[in-house]
Protein backbone atom coordinates (compact mmCIF):
# COMPACT_ATOMS: atom_id res chain seq x y z
CA MET A 1 -68.83 150.11 47.08
CA VAL A 2 -68.69 153.87 46.47
CA ILE A 3 -71.21 154.48 49.24
CA ARG A 4 -69.13 152.45 51.69
CA MET A 5 -66.01 154.41 50.72
CA PHE A 6 -67.91 157.67 51.19
CA PHE A 7 -69.05 156.71 54.69
CA PHE A 8 -65.56 155.46 55.52
CA LEU A 9 -64.06 158.83 54.56
CA ILE A 10 -66.77 160.71 56.48
CA GLY A 11 -66.03 158.56 59.53
CA PHE A 12 -62.30 159.14 59.13
CA GLY A 13 -62.81 162.89 58.93
CA LEU A 14 -65.07 162.95 62.00
CA THR A 15 -62.54 160.88 63.94
CA ILE A 16 -59.73 163.28 63.05
CA ILE A 17 -61.77 166.36 63.97
CA GLY A 18 -62.88 164.88 67.30
CA SER A 19 -59.36 163.71 68.15
CA ILE A 20 -57.92 167.17 67.45
CA TYR A 21 -60.41 168.72 69.86
CA ILE A 22 -59.72 166.09 72.53
CA ILE A 23 -55.98 166.69 72.26
CA SER A 24 -56.36 170.47 72.26
CA TYR A 25 -58.50 170.33 75.40
CA LEU A 26 -55.60 168.61 77.17
CA ASN A 27 -54.40 172.16 77.89
CA LEU A 28 -57.10 172.31 80.57
CA MET A 29 -54.99 170.00 82.70
CA THR A 30 -52.22 172.60 82.82
CA ILE A 31 -54.52 175.16 84.46
CA GLY A 32 -55.58 172.91 87.31
CA TYR A 33 -58.14 170.41 86.06
CA ASN A 34 -57.59 166.85 87.23
CA PHE A 35 -58.20 163.85 84.97
CA THR A 36 -61.77 163.16 86.11
CA GLU A 37 -62.78 166.79 85.55
CA TYR A 38 -61.11 166.65 82.12
CA VAL A 39 -63.04 163.52 81.11
CA ASN A 40 -66.25 165.02 82.49
CA PHE A 41 -65.65 168.12 80.35
CA ILE A 42 -64.82 166.09 77.23
CA ILE A 43 -67.93 163.91 77.30
CA ARG A 44 -70.15 167.00 77.43
CA ARG A 45 -68.66 168.71 74.37
CA ILE A 46 -70.38 167.87 71.08
CA GLU A 47 -67.25 168.41 68.99
CA CYS A 48 -65.42 165.81 71.06
CA LEU A 49 -68.17 163.28 70.40
CA TYR A 50 -67.26 163.33 66.72
CA ALA A 51 -64.38 160.93 67.47
CA PRO A 52 -66.51 157.97 68.71
CA ILE A 53 -69.15 158.65 66.05
CA GLY A 54 -66.47 158.55 63.37
CA LEU A 55 -64.97 155.36 64.78
CA PHE A 56 -68.41 153.78 64.76
CA LEU A 57 -68.87 154.72 61.09
CA ILE A 58 -65.46 153.30 60.18
CA ILE A 59 -66.13 150.02 61.96
CA LEU A 60 -69.60 149.84 60.44
CA THR A 61 -68.35 150.34 56.90
CA ILE A 62 -65.56 147.79 57.27
CA PHE A 63 -67.45 144.94 58.91
CA VAL A 64 -71.02 145.20 57.60
CA SER A 65 -71.55 143.58 54.23
CA GLY A 66 -73.31 145.41 51.43
CA GLY A 67 -75.58 142.50 50.58
CA LYS A 68 -73.64 141.30 47.55
CA GLY A 69 -71.90 137.97 47.72
CA ASN A 70 -68.98 138.81 45.43
CA GLU A 71 -67.30 141.55 47.46
CA LEU A 72 -64.07 141.02 49.33
CA HIS A 73 -64.50 141.44 53.10
CA ILE A 74 -61.90 141.60 55.82
C-alpha cells in the first residue's frame, strides 16, 4: 500500500511539472506559432512528456491490484 501511494505521488508530481511546462510554452503562440507548430514543439520536449508519464503512473497505481485480495479497489 505504501509503494502504491509513493508511485501515485510521484505520478502526481510529474503530471504537475509537465503541465506547468505545457502551459508556460503557450506563450509561443503569442509570438507567431500556430497550434500545429505548438503541438509539434511540445511533443519534442522531454519536460513536457512528464505529464503523460505521470498520468500513466497515476492510472496504473489506481487500477492495478497489488495481488492481495483484501484491499479496497475503486
